[in-house]
Structure formats: C-alpha cells, structure tokens
Amino acid sequence: MDLHTVVGLIGVFCYLLAYALVQMRKLEVDADIYAYLNIIGGVFGLYSLSHDFNLASCISQSMWLLFTLLGMKSARKRRFQDKTKIPPVDIN
C-alpha cells in the first residue's frame, strides 16, 4: 500500500473517530481535540489527493478544513469570553 493511501486512511479514521466521539457524547463539538482530529483528517485527505486527484473530494476536504478552523476560532473566542465575563452583582 502506498504512503499516500495510508495517510489518507489515517485522515478518514480521524474524521470518523471525531464524529463517533461526539455522537457517543464522549466529546463536545467545542473541544479542541475535536477540531484537531478534523484538521488532521483534512490535511491528510488533501495529502492523499495530491497523488490521486479528485476535484470533488479536494473541494470537500478544503471546505471541511476551512470550516473546522473557523469553528475552532469561534469556540476559543467563546471560551475566552465566558472565562473573562464578570458575574452580575446582586445588590439586594
């Protein structure tokens, strides 16, 4: 089996593992590890496609990677805002 095929299979495994862990409620969608598994899946998938190109798969992998990076940025921003939020003061 060629290296690019093995790398592509590892990428698919990362995607599926991330999805399975979320579905089994072992992992939150906002968790960094979820994003990292999806990033690895996208990068490894694109590497595999660099040897056996398929335009539809390339677009799919690229968009998955882009959406993951945007989601990761949003989740980190949300966590930072939650952490630095000043709790309301009860004046009663």
PDB file of N, CA and C in Angstrom:
ATOM      1  N   MET A   1       0.846  -1.172   0.000  1.00  0.00           N
ATOM      2  CA  MET A   1       0.000   0.000   0.000  1.00  0.00           C
ATOM      3  C   MET A   1       0.895   1.240   0.000  1.00  0.00           C
ATOM      4  N   ASP A   2       0.564   2.201  -0.834  1.00  0.00           N
ATOM      5  CA  ASP A   2       1.362   3.421  -0.953  1.00  0.00           C
ATOM      6  C   ASP A   2       1.195   4.308   0.279  1.00  0.00           C
ATOM      7  N   LEU A   3       2.229   5.139   0.520  1.00  0.00           N
ATOM      8  CA  LEU A   3       2.217   6.044   1.667  1.00  0.00           C
ATOM      9  C   LEU A   3       1.019   6.985   1.624  1.00  0.00           C
ATOM     10  N   HIS A   4       0.718   7.549   0.439  1.00  0.00           N
ATOM     11  CA  HIS A   4      -0.394   8.494   0.367  1.00  0.00           C
ATOM     12  C   HIS A   4      -1.733   7.828   0.672  1.00  0.00           C
ATOM     13  N   THR A   5      -1.861   6.563   0.374  1.00  0.00           N
ATOM     14  CA  THR A   5      -3.087   5.827   0.702  1.00  0.00           C
ATOM     15  C   THR A   5      -3.207   5.626   2.205  1.00  0.00           C
ATOM     16  N   VAL A   6      -2.104   5.263   2.843  1.00  0.00           N
ATOM     17  CA  VAL A   6      -2.099   5.074   4.303  1.00  0.00           C
ATOM     18  C   VAL A   6      -2.404   6.394   5.009  1.00  0.00           C
ATOM     19  N   VAL A   7      -1.788   7.470   4.551  1.00  0.00           N
ATOM     20  CA  VAL A   7      -2.042   8.788   5.150  1.00  0.00           C
ATOM     21  C   VAL A   7      -3.513   9.159   4.978  1.00  0.00           C
ATOM     22  N   GLY A   8      -4.072   8.922   3.809  1.00  0.00           N
ATOM     23  CA  GLY A   8      -5.490   9.201   3.571  1.00  0.00           C
ATOM     24  C   GLY A   8      -6.394   8.388   4.479  1.00  0.00           C
ATOM     25  N   LEU A   9      -6.051   7.117   4.685  1.00  0.00           N
ATOM     26  CA  LEU A   9      -6.843   6.269   5.577  1.00  0.00           C
ATOM     27  C   LEU A   9      -6.771   6.755   7.026  1.00  0.00           C
ATOM     28  N   ILE A  10      -5.611   7.221   7.448  1.00  0.00           N
ATOM     29  CA  ILE A  10      -5.479   7.785   8.804  1.00  0.00           C
ATOM     30  C   ILE A  10      -6.364   9.026   8.920  1.00  0.00           C
ATOM     31  N   GLY A  11      -6.391   9.851   7.877  1.00  0.00           N
ATOM     32  CA  GLY A  11      -7.256  11.026   7.868  1.00  0.00           C
ATOM     33  C   GLY A  11      -8.724  10.660   8.007  1.00  0.00           C
ATOM     34  N   VAL A  12      -9.163   9.662   7.258  1.00  0.00           N
ATOM     35  CA  VAL A  12     -10.549   9.201   7.347  1.00  0.00           C
ATOM     36  C   VAL A  12     -10.833   8.677   8.748  1.00  0.00           C
ATOM     37  N   PHE A  13      -9.908   7.926   9.320  1.00  0.00           N
ATOM     38  CA  PHE A  13     -10.073   7.417  10.681  1.00  0.00           C
ATOM     39  C   PHE A  13     -10.245   8.573  11.668  1.00  0.00           C
ATOM     40  N   CYS A  14      -9.463   9.642  11.518  1.00  0.00           N
ATOM     41  CA  CYS A  14      -9.571  10.801  12.413  1.00  0.00           C
ATOM     42  C   CYS A  14     -10.944  11.449  12.304  1.00  0.00           C
ATOM     43  N   TYR A  15     -11.434  11.643  11.072  1.00  0.00           N
ATOM     44  CA  TYR A  15     -12.786  12.188  10.875  1.00  0.00           C
ATOM     45  C   TYR A  15     -13.833  11.331  11.584  1.00  0.00           C
ATOM     46  N   LEU A  16     -13.764  10.040  11.318  1.00  0.00           N
ATOM     47  CA  LEU A  16     -14.768   9.129  11.860  1.00  0.00           C
ATOM     48  C   LEU A  16     -14.678   9.024  13.379  1.00  0.00           C
ATOM     49  N   LEU A  17     -13.465   9.039  13.909  1.00  0.00           N
ATOM     50  CA  LEU A  17     -13.290   8.997  15.361  1.00  0.00           C
ATOM     51  C   LEU A  17     -13.887  10.236  16.004  1.00  0.00           C
ATOM     52  N   ALA A  18     -13.619  11.403  15.444  1.00  0.00           N
ATOM     53  CA  ALA A  18     -14.169  12.655  15.979  1.00  0.00           C
ATOM     54  C   ALA A  18     -15.698  12.601  15.955  1.00  0.00           C
ATOM     55  N   TYR A  19     -16.260  12.182  14.854  1.00  0.00           N
ATOM     56  CA  TYR A  19     -17.714  12.112  14.727  1.00  0.00           C
ATOM     57  C   TYR A  19     -18.299  11.112  15.719  1.00  0.00           C
ATOM     58  N   ALA A  20     -17.687   9.943  15.824  1.00  0.00           N
ATOM     59  CA  ALA A  20     -18.187   8.916  16.740  1.00  0.00           C
ATOM     60  C   ALA A  20     -18.139   9.393  18.190  1.00  0.00           C
ATOM     61  N   LEU A  21     -17.050  10.037  18.584  1.00  0.00           N
ATOM     62  CA  LEU A  21     -16.933  10.513  19.963  1.00  0.00           C
ATOM     63  C   LEU A  21     -17.980  11.582  20.290  1.00  0.00           C
ATOM     64  N   VAL A  22     -18.287  12.431  19.331  1.00  0.00           N
ATOM     65  CA  VAL A  22     -19.336  13.434  19.546  1.00  0.00           C
ATOM     66  C   VAL A  22     -20.694  12.740  19.647  1.00  0.00           C
ATOM     67  N   GLN A  23     -20.961  11.792  18.761  1.00  0.00           N
ATOM     68  CA  GLN A  23     -22.248  11.105  18.775  1.00  0.00           C
ATOM     69  C   GLN A  23     -22.449  10.290  20.057  1.00  0.00           C
ATOM     70  N   MET A  24     -21.376   9.753  20.611  1.00  0.00           N
ATOM     71  CA  MET A  24     -21.460   8.982  21.860  1.00  0.00           C
ATOM     72  C   MET A  24     -21.373   9.880  23.092  1.00  0.00           C
ATOM     73  N   ARG A  25     -21.314  11.192  22.846  1.00  0.00           N
ATOM     74  CA  ARG A  25     -21.243  12.196  23.912  1.00  0.00           C
ATOM     75  C   ARG A  25     -20.015  12.017  24.809  1.00  0.00           C
ATOM     76  N   LYS A  26     -18.935  11.570  24.194  1.00  0.00           N
ATOM     77  CA  LYS A  26     -17.651  11.469  24.886  1.00  0.00           C
ATOM     78  C   LYS A  26     -16.815  12.711  24.639  1.00  0.00           C
ATOM     79  N   LEU A  27     -17.264  13.543  23.704  1.00  0.00           N
ATOM     80  CA  LEU A  27     -16.514  14.710  23.285  1.00  0.00           C
ATOM     81  C   LEU A  27     -17.506  15.799  22.893  1.00  0.00           C
ATOM     82  N   GLU A  28     -17.195  17.029  23.278  1.00  0.00           N
ATOM     83  CA  GLU A  28     -18.025  18.172  22.899  1.00  0.00           C
ATOM     84  C   GLU A  28     -17.542  18.723  21.556  1.00  0.00           C
ATOM     85  N   VAL A  29     -18.457  19.278  20.798  1.00  0.00           N
ATOM     86  CA  VAL A  29     -18.105  19.852  19.498  1.00  0.00           C
ATOM     87  C   VAL A  29     -17.133  21.021  19.676  1.00  0.00           C
ATOM     88  N   ASP A  30     -17.215  21.735  20.795  1.00  0.00           N
ATOM     89  CA  ASP A  30     -16.328  22.870  21.051  1.00  0.00           C
ATOM     90  C   ASP A  30     -14.948  22.462  21.555  1.00  0.00           C
ATOM     91  N   ALA A  31     -14.722  21.173  21.805  1.00  0.00           N
ATOM     92  CA  ALA A  31     -13.439  20.708  22.333  1.00  0.00           C
ATOM     93  C   ALA A  31     -12.341  20.852  21.275  1.00  0.00           C
ATOM     94  N   ASP A  32     -11.173  21.266  21.727  1.00  0.00           N
ATOM     95  CA  ASP A  32     -10.041  21.405  20.800  1.00  0.00           C
ATOM     96  C   ASP A  32      -9.688  20.084  20.135  1.00  0.00           C
ATOM     97  N   ILE A  33      -9.784  18.971  20.851  1.00  0.00           N
ATOM     98  CA  ILE A  33      -9.403  17.682  20.276  1.00  0.00           C
ATOM     99  C   ILE A  33     -10.310  17.331  19.086  1.00  0.00           C
ATOM    100  N   TYR A  34     -11.569  17.737  19.147  1.00  0.00           N
ATOM    101  CA  TYR A  34     -12.480  17.522  18.021  1.00  0.00           C
ATOM    102  C   TYR A  34     -11.967  18.266  16.785  1.00  0.00           C
ATOM    103  N   ALA A  35     -11.582  19.523  16.995  1.00  0.00           N
ATOM    104  CA  ALA A  35     -11.048  20.315  15.884  1.00  0.00           C
ATOM    105  C   ALA A  35      -9.735  19.724  15.375  1.00  0.00           C
ATOM    106  N   TYR A  36      -8.858  19.325  16.291  1.00  0.00           N
ATOM    107  CA  TYR A  36      -7.568  18.764  15.869  1.00  0.00           C
ATOM    108  C   TYR A  36      -7.757  17.491  15.041  1.00  0.00           C
ATOM    109  N   LEU A  37      -8.679  16.630  15.459  1.00  0.00           N
ATOM    110  CA  LEU A  37      -8.928  15.412  14.686  1.00  0.00           C
ATOM    111  C   LEU A  37      -9.448  15.758  13.285  1.00  0.00           C
ATOM    112  N   ASN A  38     -10.310  16.763  13.189  1.00  0.00           N
ATOM    113  CA  ASN A  38     -10.817  17.183  11.881  1.00  0.00           C
ATOM    114  C   ASN A  38      -9.737  17.859  11.038  1.00  0.00           C
ATOM    115  N   ILE A  39      -8.857  18.618  11.677  1.00  0.00           N
ATOM    116  CA  ILE A  39      -7.745  19.240  10.946  1.00  0.00           C
ATOM    117  C   ILE A  39      -6.810  18.169  10.392  1.00  0.00           C
ATOM    118  N   ILE A  40      -6.476  17.191  11.216  1.00  0.00           N
ATOM    119  CA  ILE A  40      -5.625  16.091  10.756  1.00  0.00           C
ATOM    120  C   ILE A  40      -6.304  15.364   9.601  1.00  0.00           C
ATOM    121  N   GLY A  41      -7.604  15.096   9.753  1.00  0.00           N
ATOM    122  CA  GLY A  41      -8.339  14.421   8.682  1.00  0.00           C
ATOM    123  C   GLY A  41      -8.283  15.194   7.382  1.00  0.00           C
ATOM    124  N   GLY A  42      -8.493  16.522   7.449  1.00  0.00           N
ATOM    125  CA  GLY A  42      -8.471  17.344   6.243  1.00  0.00           C
ATOM    126  C   GLY A  42      -7.101  17.424   5.593  1.00  0.00           C
ATOM    127  N   VAL A  43      -6.088  17.650   6.404  1.00  0.00           N
ATOM    128  CA  VAL A  43      -4.725  17.763   5.869  1.00  0.00           C
ATOM    129  C   VAL A  43      -4.279  16.426   5.272  1.00  0.00           C
ATOM    130  N   PHE A  44      -4.531  15.344   5.985  1.00  0.00           N
ATOM    131  CA  PHE A  44      -4.133  14.029   5.481  1.00  0.00           C
ATOM    132  C   PHE A  44      -4.922  13.666   4.219  1.00  0.00           C
ATOM    133  N   GLY A  45      -6.209  14.043   4.191  1.00  0.00           N
ATOM    134  CA  GLY A  45      -7.010  13.787   2.997  1.00  0.00           C
ATOM    135  C   GLY A  45      -6.480  14.554   1.801  1.00  0.00           C
ATOM    136  N   LEU A  46      -6.120  15.822   2.014  1.00  0.00           N
ATOM    137  CA  LEU A  46      -5.559  16.620   0.916  1.00  0.00           C
ATOM    138  C   LEU A  46      -4.212  16.061   0.452  1.00  0.00           C
ATOM    139  N   TYR A  47      -3.403  15.584   1.397  1.00  0.00           N
ATOM    140  CA  TYR A  47      -2.133  14.959   1.010  1.00  0.00           C
ATOM    141  C   TYR A  47      -2.400  13.747   0.116  1.00  0.00           C
ATOM    142  N   SER A  48      -3.348  12.930   0.517  1.00  0.00           N
ATOM    143  CA  SER A  48      -3.689  11.750  -0.274  1.00  0.00           C
ATOM    144  C   SER A  48      -4.182  12.143  -1.668  1.00  0.00           C
ATOM    145  N   LEU A  49      -4.967  13.217  -1.727  1.00  0.00           N
ATOM    146  CA  LEU A  49      -5.485  13.672  -3.020  1.00  0.00           C
ATOM    147  C   LEU A  49      -4.404  14.269  -3.915  1.00  0.00           C
ATOM    148  N   SER A  50      -3.284  14.675  -3.320  1.00  0.00           N
ATOM    149  CA  SER A  50      -2.207  15.224  -4.144  1.00  0.00           C
ATOM    150  C   SER A  50      -1.580  14.145  -5.034  1.00  0.00           C
ATOM    151  N   HIS A  51      -1.852  12.889  -4.709  1.00  0.00           N
ATOM    152  CA  HIS A  51      -1.331  11.792  -5.524  1.00  0.00           C
ATOM    153  C   HIS A  51      -2.391  11.179  -6.437  1.00  0.00           C
ATOM    154  N   ASP A  52      -3.613  11.125  -5.953  1.00  0.00           N
ATOM    155  CA  ASP A  52      -4.737  10.615  -6.744  1.00  0.00           C
ATOM    156  C   ASP A  52      -5.822  11.683  -6.711  1.00  0.00           C
ATOM    157  N   PHE A  53      -5.685  12.702  -7.586  1.00  0.00           N
ATOM    158  CA  PHE A  53      -6.548  13.874  -7.521  1.00  0.00           C
ATOM    159  C   PHE A  53      -7.984  13.572  -7.913  1.00  0.00           C
ATOM    160  N   ASN A  54      -8.902  14.177  -7.165  1.00  0.00           N
ATOM    161  CA  ASN A  54     -10.328  14.128  -7.439  1.00  0.00           C
ATOM    162  C   ASN A  54     -10.870  15.490  -7.031  1.00  0.00           C
ATOM    163  N   LEU A  55     -11.374  16.263  -7.983  1.00  0.00           N
ATOM    164  CA  LEU A  55     -11.783  17.641  -7.714  1.00  0.00           C
ATOM    165  C   LEU A  55     -12.864  17.724  -6.639  1.00  0.00           C
ATOM    166  N   ALA A  56     -13.883  16.892  -6.710  1.00  0.00           N
ATOM    167  CA  ALA A  56     -14.963  16.944  -5.721  1.00  0.00           C
ATOM    168  C   ALA A  56     -14.433  16.671  -4.317  1.00  0.00           C
ATOM    169  N   SER A  57     -13.583  15.681  -4.188  1.00  0.00           N
ATOM    170  CA  SER A  57     -13.005  15.365  -2.876  1.00  0.00           C
ATOM    171  C   SER A  57     -12.093  16.485  -2.392  1.00  0.00           C
ATOM    172  N   CYS A  58     -11.366  17.094  -3.302  1.00  0.00           N
ATOM    173  CA  CYS A  58     -10.469  18.187  -2.940  1.00  0.00           C
ATOM    174  C   CYS A  58     -11.269  19.377  -2.400  1.00  0.00           C
ATOM    175  N   ILE A  59     -12.368  19.700  -3.065  1.00  0.00           N
ATOM    176  CA  ILE A  59     -13.226  20.794  -2.590  1.00  0.00           C
ATOM    177  C   ILE A  59     -13.815  20.439  -1.237  1.00  0.00           C
ATOM    178  N   SER A  60     -14.293  19.222  -1.093  1.00  0.00           N
ATOM    179  CA  SER A  60     -14.879  18.775   0.172  1.00  0.00           C
ATOM    180  C   SER A  60     -13.864  18.842   1.314  1.00  0.00           C
ATOM    181  N   GLN A  61     -12.668  18.336   1.085  1.00  0.00           N
ATOM    182  CA  GLN A  61     -11.620  18.347   2.111  1.00  0.00           C
ATOM    183  C   GLN A  61     -11.215  19.776   2.465  1.00  0.00           C
ATOM    184  N   SER A  62     -11.083  20.611   1.462  1.00  0.00           N
ATOM    185  CA  SER A  62     -10.682  22.005   1.695  1.00  0.00           C
ATOM    186  C   SER A  62     -11.739  22.752   2.504  1.00  0.00           C
ATOM    187  N   MET A  63     -12.998  22.569   2.160  1.00  0.00           N
ATOM    188  CA  MET A  63     -14.073  23.251   2.885  1.00  0.00           C
ATOM    189  C   MET A  63     -14.196  22.713   4.312  1.00  0.00           C
ATOM    190  N   TRP A  64     -14.040  21.413   4.476  1.00  0.00           N
ATOM    191  CA  TRP A  64     -14.092  20.812   5.811  1.00  0.00           C
ATOM    192  C   TRP A  64     -12.991  21.411   6.679  1.00  0.00           C
ATOM    193  N   LEU A  65     -11.828  21.536   6.120  1.00  0.00           N
ATOM    194  CA  LEU A  65     -10.696  22.119   6.844  1.00  0.00           C
ATOM    195  C   LEU A  65     -10.956  23.592   7.171  1.00  0.00           C
ATOM    196  N   LEU A  66     -11.452  24.349   6.224  1.00  0.00           N
ATOM    197  CA  LEU A  66     -11.749  25.760   6.451  1.00  0.00           C
ATOM    198  C   LEU A  66     -12.815  25.931   7.533  1.00  0.00           C
ATOM    199  N   PHE A  67     -13.905  25.168   7.445  1.00  0.00           N
ATOM    200  CA  PHE A  67     -14.979  25.271   8.433  1.00  0.00           C
ATOM    201  C   PHE A  67     -14.491  24.858   9.823  1.00  0.00           C
ATOM    202  N   THR A  68     -13.625  23.874   9.877  1.00  0.00           N
ATOM    203  CA  THR A  68     -13.068  23.453  11.161  1.00  0.00           C
ATOM    204  C   THR A  68     -12.230  24.561  11.777  1.00  0.00           C
ATOM    205  N   LEU A  69     -11.394  25.204  10.980  1.00  0.00           N
ATOM    206  CA  LEU A  69     -10.562  26.288  11.501  1.00  0.00           C
ATOM    207  C   LEU A  69     -11.415  27.469  11.961  1.00  0.00           C
ATOM    208  N   LEU A  70     -12.448  27.803  11.195  1.00  0.00           N
ATOM    209  CA  LEU A  70     -13.350  28.879  11.601  1.00  0.00           C
ATOM    210  C   LEU A  70     -14.102  28.516  12.882  1.00  0.00           C
ATOM    211  N   GLY A  71     -14.568  27.287  12.974  1.00  0.00           N
ATOM    212  CA  GLY A  71     -15.269  26.831  14.167  1.00  0.00           C
ATOM    213  C   GLY A  71     -14.368  26.813  15.391  1.00  0.00           C
ATOM    214  N   MET A  72     -13.124  26.410  15.196  1.00  0.00           N
ATOM    215  CA  MET A  72     -12.162  26.383  16.302  1.00  0.00           C
ATOM    216  C   MET A  72     -11.907  27.794  16.811  1.00  0.00           C
ATOM    217  N   LYS A  73     -11.758  28.735  15.891  1.00  0.00           N
ATOM    218  CA  LYS A  73     -11.545  30.131  16.287  1.00  0.00           C
ATOM    219  C   LYS A  73     -12.747  30.648  17.069  1.00  0.00           C
ATOM    220  N   SER A  74     -13.931  30.355  16.589  1.00  0.00           N
ATOM    221  CA  SER A  74     -15.160  30.793  17.249  1.00  0.00           C
ATOM    222  C   SER A  74     -15.294  30.173  18.646  1.00  0.00           C
ATOM    223  N   ALA A  75     -14.992  28.892  18.767  1.00  0.00           N
ATOM    224  CA  ALA A  75     -15.089  28.209  20.065  1.00  0.00           C
ATOM    225  C   ALA A  75     -14.093  28.786  21.061  1.00  0.00           C
ATOM    226  N   ARG A  76     -12.887  29.049  20.605  1.00  0.00           N
ATOM    227  CA  ARG A  76     -11.885  29.636  21.506  1.00  0.00           C
ATOM    228  C   ARG A  76     -12.295  31.034  21.948  1.00  0.00           C
ATOM    229  N   LYS A  77     -12.860  31.819  21.031  1.00  0.00           N
ATOM    230  CA  LYS A  77     -13.323  33.160  21.378  1.00  0.00           C
ATOM    231  C   LYS A  77     -14.448  33.073  22.414  1.00  0.00           C
ATOM    232  N   ARG A  78     -15.379  32.151  22.200  1.00  0.00           N
ATOM    233  CA  ARG A  78     -16.495  31.965  23.115  1.00  0.00           C
ATOM    234  C   ARG A  78     -16.009  31.532  24.500  1.00  0.00           C
ATOM    235  N   ARG A  79     -15.038  30.614  24.539  1.00  0.00           N
ATOM    236  CA  ARG A  79     -14.495  30.166  25.836  1.00  0.00           C
ATOM    237  C   ARG A  79     -13.780  31.310  26.543  1.00  0.00           C
ATOM    238  N   PHE A  80     -13.040  32.128  25.793  1.00  0.00           N
ATOM    239  CA  PHE A  80     -12.339  33.263  26.389  1.00  0.00           C
ATOM    240  C   PHE A  80     -13.342  34.253  26.965  1.00  0.00           C
ATOM    241  N   GLN A  81     -14.399  34.534  26.223  1.00  0.00           N
ATOM    242  CA  GLN A  81     -15.412  35.480  26.713  1.00  0.00           C
ATOM    243  C   GLN A  81     -16.112  34.935  27.957  1.00  0.00           C
ATOM    244  N   ASP A  82     -16.395  33.640  27.978  1.00  0.00           N
ATOM    245  CA  ASP A  82     -17.027  33.046  29.158  1.00  0.00           C
ATOM    246  C   ASP A  82     -16.109  33.091  30.372  1.00  0.00           C
ATOM    247  N   LYS A  83     -14.812  32.888  30.123  1.00  0.00           N
ATOM    248  CA  LYS A  83     -13.846  32.881  31.223  1.00  0.00           C
ATOM    249  C   LYS A  83     -13.637  34.273  31.811  1.00  0.00           C
ATOM    250  N   THR A  84     -13.682  35.293  30.977  1.00  0.00           N
ATOM    251  CA  THR A  84     -13.387  36.656  31.433  1.00  0.00           C
ATOM    252  C   THR A  84     -14.638  37.458  31.757  1.00  0.00           C
ATOM    253  N   LYS A  85     -15.799  36.833  31.638  1.00  0.00           N
ATOM    254  CA  LYS A  85     -17.051  37.535  31.930  1.00  0.00           C
ATOM    255  C   LYS A  85     -17.142  37.809  33.419  1.00  0.00           C
ATOM    256  N   ILE A  86     -17.491  39.032  33.763  1.00  0.00           N
ATOM    257  CA  ILE A  86     -17.663  39.413  35.166  1.00  0.00           C
ATOM    258  C   ILE A  86     -19.084  39.023  35.559  1.00  0.00           C
ATOM    259  N   PRO A  87     -19.223  38.226  36.649  1.00  0.00           N
ATOM    260  CA  PRO A  87     -20.563  37.809  37.049  1.00  0.00           C
ATOM    261  C   PRO A  87     -21.375  38.995  37.546  1.00  0.00           C
ATOM    262  N   PRO A  88     -22.702  38.948  37.339  1.00  0.00           N
ATOM    263  CA  PRO A  88     -23.542  40.057  37.807  1.00  0.00           C
ATOM    264  C   PRO A  88     -23.522  40.152  39.332  1.00  0.00           C
ATOM    265  N   VAL A  89     -23.627  41.378  39.820  1.00  0.00           N
ATOM    266  CA  VAL A  89     -23.614  41.631  41.265  1.00  0.00           C
ATOM    267  C   VAL A  89     -25.060  41.771  41.731  1.00  0.00           C
ATOM    268  N   ASP A  90     -25.413  41.005  42.769  1.00  0.00           N
ATOM    269  CA  ASP A  90     -26.759  41.108  43.348  1.00  0.00           C
ATOM    270  C   ASP A  90     -26.737  42.148  44.446  1.00  0.00           C
ATOM    271  N   ILE A  91     -27.489  43.223  44.288  1.00  0.00           N
ATOM    272  CA  ILE A  91     -27.447  44.354  45.207  1.00  0.00           C
ATOM    273  C   ILE A  91     -28.495  44.222  46.317  1.00  0.00           C
ATOM    274  N   ASN A  92     -29.275  43.197  46.368  1.00  0.00           N
ATOM    275  CA  ASN A  92     -30.317  43.055  47.401  1.00  0.00           C
ATOM    276  C   ASN A  92     -29.762  42.907  48.757  1.00  0.00           C
TER     277      ASN A  92
END
